[in-house]
Amino acid sequence: MTTQPNNADFVFSYEFNAPKELVFNAFSKAEALNKWWGPEQTKNSVVSLDFRPGGIFHFKMESDNITNYGRFIFGSIQPYDLLEFTNSFADEHANIVPAPFDISIPDRIFYRLIFTENNGKTTITMTGQPVDATPEQEAGFHSINASMQEGFGATFMQLSTYLSRI
């Protein structure tokens, strides 16, 4: 795992000991996402998955009697090289809702994941940027960079564990 913060965007990179087709496919199937996607401190489950450009991934995160939802709206999908989506907090019907914490962040964040393979190992390089954000939301987004690095690191570690078991 390596990180490369930058003033304009969120940048994160993680290397997996698996071919890129296997890594990419872990994003495309609900049964796989149920095993690894989401914060490690919550019980995460797929509500629905329509893995195609314009499709939605709606998921549920539960911990300590608190339930939150999230959603992706997929953009470009180029198997096994590129995956783009906007990510938002959501309600149980997949409608966008504000983040469930005190920092004001954008309602939508655009992520681009690039998959590269070298000698059977795959690196995901992930970038993120606010969509239609106010200056306050952009500042909030940049202020949580370290926690996003930690969160995606833990999530991708779960993916790495999942990939080692299949």
Protein backbone atom coordinates (compact mmCIF):
# COMPACT_ATOMS: atom_id res chain seq x y z
CA MET A 1 0.00 0.00 0.00
CA THR A 2 1.30 3.44 -0.90
CA THR A 3 -0.33 6.82 -0.71
CA GLN A 4 0.38 9.93 -2.73
CA PRO A 5 -1.66 12.83 -1.39
CA ASN A 6 -2.02 15.86 -3.61
CA ASN A 7 -3.60 19.23 -2.99
CA ALA A 8 -6.34 18.90 -5.60
CA ASP A 9 -7.48 15.29 -5.32
CA PHE A 10 -7.52 12.22 -3.17
CA VAL A 11 -4.94 9.72 -4.45
CA PHE A 12 -4.52 6.18 -3.14
CA SER A 13 -2.69 3.13 -4.43
CA TYR A 14 -2.76 -0.50 -3.28
CA GLU A 15 -1.04 -3.60 -4.62
CA PHE A 16 -2.73 -7.01 -4.63
CA ASN A 17 -1.08 -10.39 -5.06
CA ALA A 18 -3.59 -11.37 -7.76
CA PRO A 19 -4.13 -10.85 -11.50
CA LYS A 20 -6.12 -7.77 -12.48
CA GLU A 21 -9.05 -9.76 -13.92
CA LEU A 22 -9.61 -11.32 -10.49
CA VAL A 23 -9.25 -7.97 -8.70
CA PHE A 24 -11.55 -6.15 -11.13
CA ASN A 25 -14.20 -8.90 -10.96
CA ALA A 26 -14.39 -8.49 -7.16
CA PHE A 27 -16.11 -5.15 -7.87
CA SER A 28 -18.61 -6.64 -10.32
CA LYS A 29 -20.41 -9.33 -8.29
CA ALA A 30 -22.65 -8.85 -5.24
CA GLU A 31 -21.46 -12.07 -3.57
CA ALA A 32 -17.85 -10.80 -3.75
CA LEU A 33 -18.71 -7.28 -2.53
CA ASN A 34 -20.58 -8.78 0.43
CA LYS A 35 -17.31 -10.38 1.55
CA TRP A 36 -15.02 -7.34 1.40
CA TRP A 37 -16.58 -3.93 0.58
CA GLY A 38 -17.02 -1.27 3.25
CA PRO A 39 -15.62 -0.06 6.54
CA GLU A 40 -14.01 -2.84 8.56
CA GLN A 41 -15.83 -1.79 11.75
CA THR A 42 -19.30 -2.28 10.21
CA LYS A 43 -21.33 -5.21 8.92
CA ASN A 44 -21.67 -4.43 5.22
CA SER A 45 -24.12 -5.88 2.74
CA VAL A 46 -25.20 -5.31 -0.84
CA VAL A 47 -28.76 -4.02 -1.23
CA SER A 48 -28.55 -4.05 -5.04
CA LEU A 49 -25.93 -4.13 -7.75
CA ASP A 50 -26.36 -3.24 -11.41
CA PHE A 51 -22.77 -3.34 -12.69
CA ARG A 52 -22.95 -1.38 -15.95
CA PRO A 53 -22.40 2.25 -16.98
CA GLY A 54 -25.28 4.20 -15.40
CA GLY A 55 -26.02 1.30 -13.03
CA ILE A 56 -26.08 1.48 -9.24
CA PHE A 57 -24.40 -0.27 -6.35
CA HIS A 58 -26.51 0.34 -3.21
CA PHE A 59 -25.05 -0.94 0.06
CA LYS A 60 -25.81 -1.02 3.77
CA MET A 61 -23.39 -0.47 6.68
CA GLU A 62 -24.45 -1.47 10.21
CA SER A 63 -22.77 -1.05 13.59
CA ASP A 64 -23.89 -0.46 17.18
CA ASN A 65 -27.58 -0.02 16.27
CA ILE A 66 -26.68 2.55 13.60
CA THR A 67 -27.45 1.88 9.96
CA ASN A 68 -26.06 3.93 7.09
CA TYR A 69 -26.31 3.38 3.36
CA GLY A 70 -24.14 4.32 0.43
CA ARG A 71 -24.36 4.17 -3.31
CA PHE A 72 -22.22 4.24 -6.41
CA ILE A 73 -23.48 5.34 -9.79
CA PHE A 74 -21.16 3.71 -12.31
CA GLY A 75 -19.61 5.71 -15.12
CA SER A 76 -17.02 4.19 -17.41
CA ILE A 77 -16.37 0.48 -16.97
CA GLN A 78 -13.51 -0.93 -19.03
CA PRO A 79 -12.87 -4.51 -17.90
CA TYR A 80 -10.11 -5.10 -16.45
CA ASP A 81 -8.46 -1.70 -16.67
CA LEU A 82 -10.75 1.09 -15.48
CA LEU A 83 -13.71 1.63 -13.17
CA GLU A 84 -15.34 5.03 -12.56
CA PHE A 85 -18.21 5.91 -10.25
CA THR A 86 -19.66 8.64 -8.07
CA ASN A 87 -20.03 7.69 -4.43
CA SER A 88 -22.57 9.16 -2.01
CA PHE A 89 -24.14 8.48 1.32
CA ALA A 90 -27.72 7.37 0.71
CA ASP A 91 -30.94 6.35 2.41
CA GLU A 92 -32.58 2.91 2.26
CA HIS A 93 -34.06 3.85 -1.15
CA ALA A 94 -30.66 4.94 -2.59
CA ASN A 95 -31.52 8.67 -2.49
CA ILE A 96 -28.51 10.88 -1.71
CA VAL A 97 -28.34 12.12 1.89
CA PRO A 98 -25.72 14.22 3.71
CA ALA A 99 -22.80 12.42 5.35
CA PRO A 100 -23.69 11.18 8.86
CA PHE A 101 -20.93 13.11 10.63
CA ASP A 102 -20.17 16.70 11.60
CA ILE A 103 -17.83 17.62 8.74
CA SER A 104 -19.47 19.05 5.63
CA ILE A 105 -18.30 17.02 2.63
CA PRO A 106 -19.61 16.87 -0.94
CA ASP A 107 -22.80 14.90 -1.56
CA ARG A 108 -21.02 13.20 -4.48
CA ILE A 109 -17.40 12.21 -4.93
CA PHE A 110 -16.11 11.00 -8.28
CA TYR A 111 -13.65 8.09 -8.12
CA ARG A 112 -11.49 6.63 -10.88
CA LEU A 113 -9.76 3.27 -10.33
CA ILE A 114 -7.02 2.23 -12.74
CA PHE A 115 -5.95 -1.42 -12.63
CA THR A 116 -2.42 -2.31 -13.75
CA GLU A 117 -0.77 -5.71 -13.61
CA ASN A 118 2.90 -6.55 -13.35
CA ASN A 119 4.22 -10.09 -12.81
CA GLY A 120 0.84 -11.37 -11.60
CA LYS A 121 0.34 -8.54 -9.08
CA THR A 122 -2.27 -5.85 -9.58
CA THR A 123 -2.09 -2.25 -8.45
CA ILE A 124 -5.22 -0.15 -8.13
CA THR A 125 -4.50 3.55 -8.39
CA MET A 126 -7.54 5.44 -7.14
CA THR A 127 -8.23 9.14 -7.45
CA GLY A 128 -11.18 11.05 -6.05
CA GLN A 129 -12.54 14.53 -6.41
CA PRO A 130 -15.61 16.43 -5.23
CA VAL A 131 -18.54 16.88 -7.62
CA ASP A 132 -20.54 20.13 -7.54
CA ALA A 133 -19.18 20.98 -4.08
CA THR A 134 -19.29 24.25 -2.21
CA PRO A 135 -15.97 25.69 -1.00
CA GLU A 136 -16.88 24.50 2.53
CA GLN A 137 -17.55 20.95 1.25
CA GLU A 138 -14.27 20.94 -0.72
CA ALA A 139 -12.40 22.02 2.42
CA GLY A 140 -14.17 19.26 4.37
CA PHE A 141 -13.24 16.72 1.71
CA HIS A 142 -9.57 17.70 1.89
CA SER A 143 -9.64 17.70 5.71
CA ILE A 144 -10.58 14.00 5.83
CA ASN A 145 -7.81 12.84 3.47
CA ALA A 146 -5.94 10.96 6.22
CA SER A 147 -9.07 9.13 7.39
CA MET A 148 -9.96 8.27 3.77
CA GLN A 149 -6.43 6.87 3.29
CA GLU A 150 -6.92 4.75 6.41
CA GLY A 151 -10.45 3.67 5.46
CA PHE A 152 -9.64 2.66 1.89
CA GLY A 153 -6.48 0.97 3.15
CA ALA A 154 -8.55 -1.19 5.52
CA THR A 155 -11.19 -1.89 2.86
CA PHE A 156 -8.60 -2.91 0.27
CA MET A 157 -6.88 -5.07 2.89
CA GLN A 158 -10.24 -6.87 3.23
CA LEU A 159 -10.26 -7.26 -0.56
CA SER A 160 -6.71 -8.65 -0.44
CA THR A 161 -7.79 -11.20 2.19
CA TYR A 162 -10.85 -12.12 0.11
CA LEU A 163 -8.71 -12.60 -3.01
CA SER A 164 -6.27 -14.85 -1.13
CA ARG A 165 -9.17 -17.14 -0.19
CA ILE A 166 -10.74 -17.64 -3.61
